[in-house]
Amino acid sequence: LAPFSKLRYDALRPEPICGYLLGAEREAAAVRLILAGK
C-alpha cells in the first residue's frame, strides 16, 4: 500500500484512484478484524 499512499495527493497520476480502492478494502478489513477481536 505504501507507494500509493505517497502519491495520494498527486492530481495528475492514476495511482490515487487505485489507492482509493485499496484504501476502501483496507478500511473494510480493519472493521472486520476489530469486530472479530471484540
Full PDB file with SEQRES, HELIX, SHEET, SSBOND, CRYST1, ORIGX, SCALE, CONECT and MASTER records, all heavy atoms in Angstrom:
SEQRES   1 A   38  LEU ALA PRO PHE SER LYS LEU ARG TYR ASP ALA LEU ARG          
SEQRES   2 A   38  PRO GLU PRO ILE CYS GLY TYR LEU LEU GLY ALA GLU ARG          
SEQRES   3 A   38  GLU ALA ALA ALA VAL ARG LEU ILE LEU ALA GLY LYS              
HELIX    1 AA1 ALA A    2  LYS A    6  1                                   5    
HELIX    2 AA2 GLU A   15  GLY A   37  1                                  23    
CRYST1    1.000    1.000    1.000  90.00  90.00  90.00 P 1           1          
ORIGX1      1.000000  0.000000  0.000000        0.00000                         
ORIGX2      0.000000  1.000000  0.000000        0.00000                         
ORIGX3      0.000000  0.000000  1.000000        0.00000                         
SCALE1      1.000000  0.000000  0.000000        0.00000                         
SCALE2      0.000000  1.000000  0.000000        0.00000                         
SCALE3      0.000000  0.000000  1.000000        0.00000                         
ATOM      1  N   LEU A   1       0.811  -1.218   0.000  1.00  0.00           N  
ATOM      2  CA  LEU A   1       0.000   0.000   0.000  1.00  0.00           C  
ATOM      3  C   LEU A   1       0.845   1.269   0.000  1.00  0.00           C  
ATOM      4  O   LEU A   1       0.431   2.304  -0.539  1.00  0.00           O  
ATOM      5  CB  LEU A   1      -0.928   0.000   1.212  1.00  0.00           C  
ATOM      6  CG  LEU A   1      -1.925   1.160   1.319  1.00  0.00           C  
ATOM      7  CD1 LEU A   1      -2.909   1.135   0.148  1.00  0.00           C  
ATOM      8  CD2 LEU A   1      -2.678   1.115   2.644  1.00  0.00           C  
ATOM      9  N   ALA A   2       2.041   1.204   0.579  1.00  0.00           N  
ATOM     10  CA  ALA A   2       2.854   2.402   0.819  1.00  0.00           C  
ATOM     11  C   ALA A   2       3.084   3.280  -0.422  1.00  0.00           C  
ATOM     12  O   ALA A   2       2.937   4.505  -0.336  1.00  0.00           O  
ATOM     13  CB  ALA A   2       4.194   2.002   1.442  1.00  0.00           C  
ATOM     14  N   PRO A   3       3.430   2.721  -1.597  1.00  0.00           N  
ATOM     15  CA  PRO A   3       3.657   3.597  -2.763  1.00  0.00           C  
ATOM     16  C   PRO A   3       2.431   4.402  -3.169  1.00  0.00           C  
ATOM     17  O   PRO A   3       2.554   5.533  -3.656  1.00  0.00           O  
ATOM     18  CB  PRO A   3       4.064   2.616  -3.866  1.00  0.00           C  
ATOM     19  CG  PRO A   3       4.592   1.422  -3.137  1.00  0.00           C  
ATOM     20  CD  PRO A   3       3.744   1.327  -1.908  1.00  0.00           C  
ATOM     21  N   PHE A   4       1.256   3.842  -2.957  1.00  0.00           N  
ATOM     22  CA  PHE A   4       0.023   4.552  -3.305  1.00  0.00           C  
ATOM     23  C   PHE A   4      -0.269   5.658  -2.291  1.00  0.00           C  
ATOM     24  O   PHE A   4      -0.763   6.725  -2.653  1.00  0.00           O  
ATOM     25  CB  PHE A   4      -1.142   3.576  -3.400  1.00  0.00           C  
ATOM     26  CG  PHE A   4      -1.006   2.611  -4.536  1.00  0.00           C  
ATOM     27  CD1 PHE A   4      -0.386   1.387  -4.356  1.00  0.00           C  
ATOM     28  CD2 PHE A   4      -1.474   2.936  -5.798  1.00  0.00           C  
ATOM     29  CE1 PHE A   4      -0.236   0.496  -5.412  1.00  0.00           C  
ATOM     30  CE2 PHE A   4      -1.334   2.051  -6.865  1.00  0.00           C  
ATOM     31  CZ  PHE A   4      -0.700   0.829  -6.667  1.00  0.00           C  
ATOM     32  N   SER A   5       0.047   5.403  -1.029  1.00  0.00           N  
ATOM     33  CA  SER A   5      -0.147   6.426  -0.008  1.00  0.00           C  
ATOM     34  C   SER A   5       0.727   7.645  -0.282  1.00  0.00           C  
ATOM     35  O   SER A   5       0.308   8.791  -0.100  1.00  0.00           O  
ATOM     36  CB  SER A   5       0.166   5.858   1.379  1.00  0.00           C  
ATOM     37  OG  SER A   5      -0.787   4.881   1.753  1.00  0.00           O  
ATOM     38  N   LYS A   6       1.941   7.408  -0.754  1.00  0.00           N  
ATOM     39  CA  LYS A   6       2.857   8.510  -1.043  1.00  0.00           C  
ATOM     40  C   LYS A   6       2.355   9.393  -2.187  1.00  0.00           C  
ATOM     41  O   LYS A   6       2.667  10.579  -2.241  1.00  0.00           O  
ATOM     42  CB  LYS A   6       4.239   7.953  -1.392  1.00  0.00           C  
ATOM     43  CG  LYS A   6       4.954   7.295  -0.223  1.00  0.00           C  
ATOM     44  CD  LYS A   6       6.295   6.719  -0.651  1.00  0.00           C  
ATOM     45  CE  LYS A   6       6.990   6.037   0.514  1.00  0.00           C  
ATOM     46  NZ  LYS A   6       8.282   5.417   0.104  1.00  0.00           N  
ATOM     47  N   LEU A   7       1.576   8.809  -3.081  1.00  0.00           N  
ATOM     48  CA  LEU A   7       1.097   9.555  -4.251  1.00  0.00           C  
ATOM     49  C   LEU A   7      -0.359   9.998  -4.106  1.00  0.00           C  
ATOM     50  O   LEU A   7      -0.984  10.411  -5.073  1.00  0.00           O  
ATOM     51  CB  LEU A   7       1.237   8.693  -5.505  1.00  0.00           C  
ATOM     52  CG  LEU A   7       2.677   8.322  -5.901  1.00  0.00           C  
ATOM     53  CD1 LEU A   7       2.663   7.291  -7.026  1.00  0.00           C  
ATOM     54  CD2 LEU A   7       3.447   9.560  -6.327  1.00  0.00           C  
ATOM     55  N   ARG A   8      -0.862   9.935  -2.900  1.00  0.00           N  
ATOM     56  CA  ARG A   8      -2.292  10.181  -2.664  1.00  0.00           C  
ATOM     57  C   ARG A   8      -2.758  11.532  -3.191  1.00  0.00           C  
ATOM     58  O   ARG A   8      -3.882  11.666  -3.683  1.00  0.00           O  
ATOM     59  CB  ARG A   8      -2.585  10.076  -1.167  1.00  0.00           C  
ATOM     60  CG  ARG A   8      -4.057  10.242  -0.823  1.00  0.00           C  
ATOM     61  CD  ARG A   8      -4.296  10.043   0.658  1.00  0.00           C  
ATOM     62  NE  ARG A   8      -5.707  10.061   0.977  1.00  0.00           N  
ATOM     63  CZ  ARG A   8      -6.194   9.861   2.201  1.00  0.00           C  
ATOM     64  NH1 ARG A   8      -5.370   9.627   3.197  1.00  0.00           N  
ATOM     65  NH2 ARG A   8      -7.495   9.894   2.416  1.00  0.00           N  
ATOM     66  N   TYR A   9      -1.912  12.555  -3.097  1.00  0.00           N  
ATOM     67  CA  TYR A   9      -2.341  13.899  -3.462  1.00  0.00           C  
ATOM     68  C   TYR A   9      -1.805  14.357  -4.816  1.00  0.00           C  
ATOM     69  O   TYR A   9      -1.858  15.550  -5.125  1.00  0.00           O  
ATOM     70  CB  TYR A   9      -1.920  14.886  -2.367  1.00  0.00           C  
ATOM     71  CG  TYR A   9      -2.595  14.588  -1.047  1.00  0.00           C  
ATOM     72  CD1 TYR A   9      -1.874  14.033   0.009  1.00  0.00           C  
ATOM     73  CD2 TYR A   9      -3.958  14.828  -0.876  1.00  0.00           C  
ATOM     74  CE1 TYR A   9      -2.496  13.738   1.212  1.00  0.00           C  
ATOM     75  CE2 TYR A   9      -4.587  14.525   0.320  1.00  0.00           C  
ATOM     76  CZ  TYR A   9      -3.850  13.980   1.361  1.00  0.00           C  
ATOM     77  OH  TYR A   9      -4.481  13.673   2.538  1.00  0.00           O  
ATOM     78  N   ASP A  10      -1.321  13.423  -5.614  1.00  0.00           N  
ATOM     79  CA  ASP A  10      -0.852  13.768  -6.953  1.00  0.00           C  
ATOM     80  C   ASP A  10      -2.045  13.741  -7.908  1.00  0.00           C  
ATOM     81  O   ASP A  10      -2.545  12.680  -8.275  1.00  0.00           O  
ATOM     82  CB  ASP A  10       0.220  12.779  -7.414  1.00  0.00           C  
ATOM     83  CG  ASP A  10       0.972  13.271  -8.650  1.00  0.00           C  
ATOM     84  OD1 ASP A  10       0.337  13.916  -9.501  1.00  0.00           O  
ATOM     85  OD2 ASP A  10       2.179  13.014  -8.747  1.00  0.00           O  
ATOM     86  N   ALA A  11      -2.494  14.923  -8.305  1.00  0.00           N  
ATOM     87  CA  ALA A  11      -3.733  15.041  -9.083  1.00  0.00           C  
ATOM     88  C   ALA A  11      -3.575  14.674 -10.542  1.00  0.00           C  
ATOM     89  O   ALA A  11      -4.566  14.594 -11.272  1.00  0.00           O  
ATOM     90  CB  ALA A  11      -4.274  16.464  -8.980  1.00  0.00           C  
ATOM     91  N   LEU A  12      -2.351  14.429 -10.997  1.00  0.00           N  
ATOM     92  CA  LEU A  12      -2.131  14.169 -12.419  1.00  0.00           C  
ATOM     93  C   LEU A  12      -1.701  12.737 -12.698  1.00  0.00           C  
ATOM     94  O   LEU A  12      -1.255  12.431 -13.804  1.00  0.00           O  
ATOM     95  CB  LEU A  12      -1.078  15.151 -12.961  1.00  0.00           C  
ATOM     96  CG  LEU A  12      -1.446  16.632 -12.836  1.00  0.00           C  
ATOM     97  CD1 LEU A  12      -0.320  17.505 -13.371  1.00  0.00           C  
ATOM     98  CD2 LEU A  12      -2.744  16.938 -13.571  1.00  0.00           C  
ATOM     99  N   ARG A  13      -1.834  11.885 -11.719  1.00  0.00           N  
ATOM    100  CA  ARG A  13      -1.453  10.480 -11.888  1.00  0.00           C  
ATOM    101  C   ARG A  13      -2.628   9.580 -11.534  1.00  0.00           C  
ATOM    102  O   ARG A  13      -3.489   9.961 -10.736  1.00  0.00           O  
ATOM    103  CB  ARG A  13      -0.243  10.141 -11.011  1.00  0.00           C  
ATOM    104  CG  ARG A  13       0.996  10.966 -11.319  1.00  0.00           C  
ATOM    105  CD  ARG A  13       2.105  10.655 -10.330  1.00  0.00           C  
ATOM    106  NE  ARG A  13       2.468   9.250 -10.363  1.00  0.00           N  
ATOM    107  CZ  ARG A  13       3.724   8.823 -10.497  1.00  0.00           C  
ATOM    108  NH1 ARG A  13       4.719   9.687 -10.629  1.00  0.00           N  
ATOM    109  NH2 ARG A  13       4.004   7.527 -10.492  1.00  0.00           N  
ATOM    110  N   PRO A  14      -2.668   8.357 -12.091  1.00  0.00           N  
ATOM    111  CA  PRO A  14      -3.802   7.462 -11.820  1.00  0.00           C  
ATOM    112  C   PRO A  14      -3.708   6.729 -10.490  1.00  0.00           C  
ATOM    113  O   PRO A  14      -4.692   6.143 -10.046  1.00  0.00           O  
ATOM    114  CB  PRO A  14      -3.739   6.478 -12.986  1.00  0.00           C  
ATOM    115  CG  PRO A  14      -2.274   6.395 -13.308  1.00  0.00           C  
ATOM    116  CD  PRO A  14      -1.752   7.799 -13.112  1.00  0.00           C  
ATOM    117  N   GLU A  15      -2.540   6.753  -9.842  1.00  0.00           N  
ATOM    118  CA  GLU A  15      -2.362   5.968  -8.624  1.00  0.00           C  
ATOM    119  C   GLU A  15      -3.348   6.315  -7.508  1.00  0.00           C  
ATOM    120  O   GLU A  15      -3.801   5.401  -6.788  1.00  0.00           O  
ATOM    121  CB  GLU A  15      -0.918   6.100  -8.117  1.00  0.00           C  
ATOM    122  CG  GLU A  15       0.112   5.395  -8.955  1.00  0.00           C  
ATOM    123  CD  GLU A  15       0.594   6.234 -10.130  1.00  0.00           C  
ATOM    124  OE1 GLU A  15       0.102   7.377 -10.280  1.00  0.00           O  
ATOM    125  OE2 GLU A  15       1.448   5.761 -10.879  1.00  0.00           O  
ATOM    126  N   PRO A  16      -3.725   7.604  -7.305  1.00  0.00           N  
ATOM    127  CA  PRO A  16      -4.700   7.894  -6.250  1.00  0.00           C  
ATOM    128  C   PRO A  16      -6.056   7.220  -6.462  1.00  0.00           C  
ATOM    129  O   PRO A  16      -6.776   6.955  -5.498  1.00  0.00           O  
ATOM    130  CB  PRO A  16      -4.831   9.429  -6.303  1.00  0.00           C  
ATOM    131  CG  PRO A  16      -3.521   9.886  -6.834  1.00  0.00           C  
ATOM    132  CD  PRO A  16      -3.153   8.844  -7.859  1.00  0.00           C  
ATOM    133  N   ILE A  17      -6.400   6.953  -7.718  1.00  0.00           N  
ATOM    134  CA  ILE A  17      -7.670   6.269  -7.991  1.00  0.00           C  
ATOM    135  C   ILE A  17      -7.587   4.832  -7.490  1.00  0.00           C  
ATOM    136  O   ILE A  17      -8.492   4.338  -6.801  1.00  0.00           O  
ATOM    137  CB  ILE A  17      -7.979   6.298  -9.502  1.00  0.00           C  
ATOM    138  CG1 ILE A  17      -7.932   7.725 -10.035  1.00  0.00           C  
ATOM    139  CG2 ILE A  17      -9.356   5.686  -9.771  1.00  0.00           C  
ATOM    140  CD1 ILE A  17      -7.927   7.817 -11.547  1.00  0.00           C  
ATOM    141  N   CYS A  18      -6.483   4.169  -7.817  1.00  0.00           N  
ATOM    142  CA  CYS A  18      -6.273   2.799  -7.329  1.00  0.00           C  
ATOM    143  C   CYS A  18      -6.103   2.800  -5.814  1.00  0.00           C  
ATOM    144  O   CYS A  18      -6.576   1.896  -5.118  1.00  0.00           O  
ATOM    145  CB  CYS A  18      -5.043   2.187  -7.995  1.00  0.00           C  
ATOM    146  SG  CYS A  18      -5.117   2.144  -9.793  1.00  0.00           S  
ATOM    147  N   GLY A  19      -5.415   3.829  -5.305  1.00  0.00           N  
ATOM    148  CA  GLY A  19      -5.211   3.929  -3.867  1.00  0.00           C  
ATOM    149  C   GLY A  19      -6.520   4.054  -3.112  1.00  0.00           C  
ATOM    150  O   GLY A  19      -6.675   3.513  -2.015  1.00  0.00           O  
ATOM    151  N   TYR A  20      -7.476   4.771  -3.694  1.00  0.00           N  
ATOM    152  CA  TYR A  20      -8.792   4.898  -3.063  1.00  0.00           C  
ATOM    153  C   TYR A  20      -9.453   3.525  -2.913  1.00  0.00           C  
ATOM    154  O   TYR A  20     -10.029   3.208  -1.864  1.00  0.00           O  
ATOM    155  CB  TYR A  20      -9.679   5.816  -3.895  1.00  0.00           C  
ATOM    156  CG  TYR A  20     -11.091   5.930  -3.383  1.00  0.00           C  
ATOM    157  CD1 TYR A  20     -11.403   6.762  -2.316  1.00  0.00           C  
ATOM    158  CD2 TYR A  20     -12.116   5.179  -3.961  1.00  0.00           C  
ATOM    159  CE1 TYR A  20     -12.699   6.853  -1.838  1.00  0.00           C  
ATOM    160  CE2 TYR A  20     -13.412   5.261  -3.484  1.00  0.00           C  
ATOM    161  CZ  TYR A  20     -13.699   6.108  -2.424  1.00  0.00           C  
ATOM    162  OH  TYR A  20     -14.992   6.181  -1.938  1.00  0.00           O  
ATOM    163  N   LEU A  21      -9.329   2.702  -3.944  1.00  0.00           N  
ATOM    164  CA  LEU A  21      -9.894   1.352  -3.883  1.00  0.00           C  
ATOM    165  C   LEU A  21      -9.178   0.520  -2.828  1.00  0.00           C  
ATOM    166  O   LEU A  21      -9.819  -0.150  -2.004  1.00  0.00           O  
ATOM    167  CB  LEU A  21      -9.784   0.685  -5.254  1.00  0.00           C  
ATOM    168  CG  LEU A  21     -10.159  -0.802  -5.318  1.00  0.00           C  
ATOM    169  CD1 LEU A  21     -11.594  -1.005  -4.856  1.00  0.00           C  
ATOM    170  CD2 LEU A  21      -9.964  -1.326  -6.728  1.00  0.00           C  
ATOM    171  N   LEU A  22      -7.856   0.548  -2.849  1.00  0.00           N  
ATOM    172  CA  LEU A  22      -7.092  -0.204  -1.856  1.00  0.00           C  
ATOM    173  C   LEU A  22      -7.411   0.282  -0.448  1.00  0.00           C  
ATOM    174  O   LEU A  22      -7.475  -0.507   0.501  1.00  0.00           O  
ATOM    175  CB  LEU A  22      -5.598  -0.069  -2.134  1.00  0.00           C  
ATOM    176  CG  LEU A  22      -5.099  -0.714  -3.431  1.00  0.00           C  
ATOM    177  CD1 LEU A  22      -3.637  -0.356  -3.674  1.00  0.00           C  
ATOM    178  CD2 LEU A  22      -5.277  -2.225  -3.400  1.00  0.00           C  
ATOM    179  N   GLY A  23      -7.613   1.597  -0.314  1.00  0.00           N  
ATOM    180  CA  GLY A  23      -7.954   2.154   0.987  1.00  0.00           C  
ATOM    181  C   GLY A  23      -9.298   1.664   1.490  1.00  0.00           C  
ATOM    182  O   GLY A  23      -9.462   1.356   2.677  1.00  0.00           O  
ATOM    183  N   ALA A  24     -10.282   1.580   0.599  1.00  0.00           N  
ATOM    184  CA  ALA A  24     -11.608   1.076   0.986  1.00  0.00           C  
ATOM    185  C   ALA A  24     -11.521  -0.375   1.431  1.00  0.00           C  
ATOM    186  O   ALA A  24     -12.156  -0.777   2.416  1.00  0.00           O  
ATOM    187  CB  ALA A  24     -12.582   1.227  -0.184  1.00  0.00           C  
ATOM    188  N   GLU A  25     -10.734  -1.167   0.715  1.00  0.00           N  
ATOM    189  CA  GLU A  25     -10.544  -2.567   1.103  1.00  0.00           C  
ATOM    190  C   GLU A  25      -9.869  -2.659   2.469  1.00  0.00           C  
ATOM    191  O   GLU A  25     -10.220  -3.510   3.295  1.00  0.00           O  
ATOM    192  CB  GLU A  25      -9.707  -3.289   0.045  1.00  0.00           C  
ATOM    193  CG  GLU A  25     -10.409  -3.439  -1.291  1.00  0.00           C  
ATOM    194  CD  GLU A  25      -9.521  -4.050  -2.356  1.00  0.00           C  
ATOM    195  OE1 GLU A  25      -8.274  -3.938  -2.242  1.00  0.00           O  
ATOM    196  OE2 GLU A  25     -10.060  -4.634  -3.312  1.00  0.00           O  
ATOM    197  N   ARG A  26      -8.902  -1.771   2.702  1.00  0.00           N  
ATOM    198  CA  ARG A  26      -8.188  -1.772   3.981  1.00  0.00           C  
ATOM    199  C   ARG A  26      -9.116  -1.379   5.130  1.00  0.00           C  
ATOM    200  O   ARG A  26      -9.047  -1.951   6.216  1.00  0.00           O  
ATOM    201  CB  ARG A  26      -6.994  -0.819   3.876  1.00  0.00           C  
ATOM    202  CG  ARG A  26      -6.008  -0.885   5.025  1.00  0.00           C  
ATOM    203  CD  ARG A  26      -5.343  -2.247   5.161  1.00  0.00           C  
ATOM    204  NE  ARG A  26      -4.664  -2.696   3.974  1.00  0.00           N  
ATOM    205  CZ  ARG A  26      -3.373  -2.465   3.711  1.00  0.00           C  
ATOM    206  NH1 ARG A  26      -2.655  -1.754   4.546  1.00  0.00           N  
ATOM    207  NH2 ARG A  26      -2.817  -2.956   2.620  1.00  0.00           N  
ATOM    208  N   GLU A  27      -9.996  -0.410   4.909  1.00  0.00           N  
ATOM    209  CA  GLU A  27     -10.958   0.001   5.937  1.00  0.00           C  
ATOM    210  C   GLU A  27     -11.902  -1.153   6.281  1.00  0.00           C  
ATOM    211  O   GLU A  27     -12.166  -1.421   7.464  1.00  0.00           O  
ATOM    212  CB  GLU A  27     -11.770   1.192   5.454  1.00  0.00           C  
ATOM    213  CG  GLU A  27     -10.996   2.484   5.318  1.00  0.00           C  
ATOM    214  CD  GLU A  27     -11.848   3.577   4.702  1.00  0.00           C  
ATOM    215  OE1 GLU A  27     -12.923   3.866   5.259  1.00  0.00           O  
ATOM    216  OE2 GLU A  27     -11.456   4.122   3.656  1.00  0.00           O  
ATOM    217  N   ALA A  28     -12.410  -1.822   5.254  1.00  0.00           N  
ATOM    218  CA  ALA A  28     -13.330  -2.940   5.488  1.00  0.00           C  
ATOM    219  C   ALA A  28     -12.634  -4.052   6.268  1.00  0.00           C  
ATOM    220  O   ALA A  28     -13.219  -4.648   7.184  1.00  0.00           O  
ATOM    221  CB  ALA A  28     -13.856  -3.476   4.158  1.00  0.00           C  
ATOM    222  N   ALA A  29     -11.381  -4.323   5.932  1.00  0.00           N  
ATOM    223  CA  ALA A  29     -10.623  -5.361   6.637  1.00  0.00           C  
ATOM    224  C   ALA A  29     -10.413  -4.963   8.093  1.00  0.00           C  
ATOM    225  O   ALA A  29     -10.481  -5.816   8.999  1.00  0.00           O  
ATOM    226  CB  ALA A  29      -9.284  -5.584   5.942  1.00  0.00           C  
ATOM    227  N   ALA A  30     -10.164  -3.674   8.335  1.00  0.00           N  
ATOM    228  CA  ALA A  30      -9.960  -3.209   9.709  1.00  0.00           C  
ATOM    229  C   ALA A  30     -11.228  -3.374  10.539  1.00  0.00           C  
ATOM    230  O   ALA A  30     -11.179  -3.837  11.693  1.00  0.00           O  
ATOM    231  CB  ALA A  30      -9.522  -1.741   9.702  1.00  0.00           C  
ATOM    232  N   VAL A  31     -12.371  -3.009   9.963  1.00  0.00           N  
ATOM    233  CA  VAL A  31     -13.643  -3.153  10.676  1.00  0.00           C  
ATOM    234  C   VAL A  31     -13.901  -4.619  11.000  1.00  0.00           C  
ATOM    235  O   VAL A  31     -14.285  -4.970  12.132  1.00  0.00           O  
ATOM    236  CB  VAL A  31     -14.799  -2.563   9.840  1.00  0.00           C  
ATOM    237  CG1 VAL A  31     -16.155  -2.983  10.415  1.00  0.00           C  
ATOM    238  CG2 VAL A  31     -14.690  -1.044   9.794  1.00  0.00           C  
ATOM    239  N   ARG A  32     -13.685  -5.491  10.032  1.00  0.00           N  
ATOM    240  CA  ARG A  32     -13.907  -6.923  10.265  1.00  0.00           C  
ATOM    241  C   ARG A  32     -12.990  -7.458  11.356  1.00  0.00           C  
ATOM    242  O   ARG A  32     -13.410  -8.235  12.224  1.00  0.00           O  
ATOM    243  CB  ARG A  32     -13.683  -7.697   8.964  1.00  0.00           C  
ATOM    244  CG  ARG A  32     -14.758  -7.471   7.904  1.00  0.00           C  
ATOM    245  CD  ARG A  32     -14.456  -8.273   6.659  1.00  0.00           C  
ATOM    246  NE  ARG A  32     -15.532  -8.231   5.698  1.00  0.00           N  
ATOM    247  CZ  ARG A  32     -15.414  -7.739   4.460  1.00  0.00           C  
ATOM    248  NH1 ARG A  32     -14.257  -7.229   4.060  1.00  0.00           N  
ATOM    249  NH2 ARG A  32     -16.448  -7.739   3.636  1.00  0.00           N  
ATOM    250  N   LEU A  33     -11.722  -7.058  11.319  1.00  0.00           N  
ATOM    251  CA  LEU A  33     -10.761  -7.545  12.307  1.00  0.00           C  
ATOM    252  C   LEU A  33     -11.106  -7.058  13.708  1.00  0.00           C  
ATOM    253  O   LEU A  33     -11.079  -7.832  14.673  1.00  0.00           O  
ATOM    254  CB  LEU A  33      -9.352  -7.095  11.917  1.00  0.00           C  
ATOM    255  CG  LEU A  33      -8.219  -7.495  12.879  1.00  0.00           C  
ATOM    256  CD1 LEU A  33      -8.135  -9.010  12.997  1.00  0.00           C  
ATOM    257  CD2 LEU A  33      -6.894  -6.917  12.411  1.00  0.00           C  
ATOM    258  N   ILE A  34     -11.441  -5.787  13.823  1.00  0.00           N  
ATOM    259  CA  ILE A  34     -11.770  -5.236  15.144  1.00  0.00           C  
ATOM    260  C   ILE A  34     -13.005  -5.921  15.719  1.00  0.00           C  
ATOM    261  O   ILE A  34     -13.029  -6.315  16.896  1.00  0.00           O  
ATOM    262  CB  ILE A  34     -11.981  -3.714  15.056  1.00  0.00           C  
ATOM    263  CG1 ILE A  34     -10.645  -3.021  14.744  1.00  0.00           C  
ATOM    264  CG2 ILE A  34     -12.554  -3.176  16.371  1.00  0.00           C  
ATOM    265  CD1 ILE A  34     -10.785  -1.543  14.433  1.00  0.00           C  
ATOM    266  N   LEU A  35     -14.043  -6.083  14.907  1.00  0.00           N  
ATOM    267  CA  LEU A  35     -15.271  -6.713  15.406  1.00  0.00           C  
ATOM    268  C   LEU A  35     -15.033  -8.170  15.771  1.00  0.00           C  
ATOM    269  O   LEU A  35     -15.557  -8.660  16.777  1.00  0.00           O  
ATOM    270  CB  LEU A  35     -16.378  -6.590  14.369  1.00  0.00           C  
ATOM    271  CG  LEU A  35     -16.951  -5.184  14.184  1.00  0.00           C  
ATOM    272  CD1 LEU A  35     -18.035  -5.192  13.129  1.00  0.00           C  
ATOM    273  CD2 LEU A  35     -17.512  -4.648  15.495  1.00  0.00           C  
ATOM    274  N   ALA A  36     -14.239  -8.872  14.958  1.00  0.00           N  
ATOM    275  CA  ALA A  36     -13.920 -10.268  15.295  1.00  0.00           C  
ATOM    276  C   ALA A  36     -13.154 -10.331  16.605  1.00  0.00           C  
ATOM    277  O   ALA A  36     -13.391 -11.222  17.438  1.00  0.00           O  
ATOM    278  CB  ALA A  36     -13.112 -10.899  14.172  1.00  0.00           C  
ATOM    279  N   GLY A  37     -12.231  -9.393  16.783  1.00  0.00           N  
ATOM    280  CA  GLY A  37     -11.476  -9.364  18.030  1.00  0.00           C  
ATOM    281  C   GLY A  37     -12.365  -9.081  19.231  1.00  0.00           C  
ATOM    282  O   GLY A  37     -12.230  -9.719  20.289  1.00  0.00           O  
ATOM    283  N   LYS A  38     -13.277  -8.122  19.093  1.00  0.00           N  
ATOM    284  CA  LYS A  38     -14.196  -7.804  20.184  1.00  0.00           C  
ATOM    285  C   LYS A  38     -15.114  -8.985  20.505  1.00  0.00           C  
ATOM    286  O   LYS A  38     -15.401  -9.277  21.661  1.00  0.00           O  
ATOM    287  CB  LYS A  38     -15.036  -6.574  19.830  1.00  0.00           C  
ATOM    288  CG  LYS A  38     -14.248  -5.281  19.704  1.00  0.00           C  
ATOM    289  CD  LYS A  38     -13.602  -4.880  21.020  1.00  0.00           C  
ATOM    290  CE  LYS A  38     -12.824  -3.595  20.886  1.00  0.00           C  
ATOM    291  NZ  LYS A  38     -12.130  -3.217  22.151  1.00  0.00           N  
TER     292      LYS A  38                                                      
MASTER        0    0    0    2    0    0    0    6  291    1    0    3          
END                                                                             
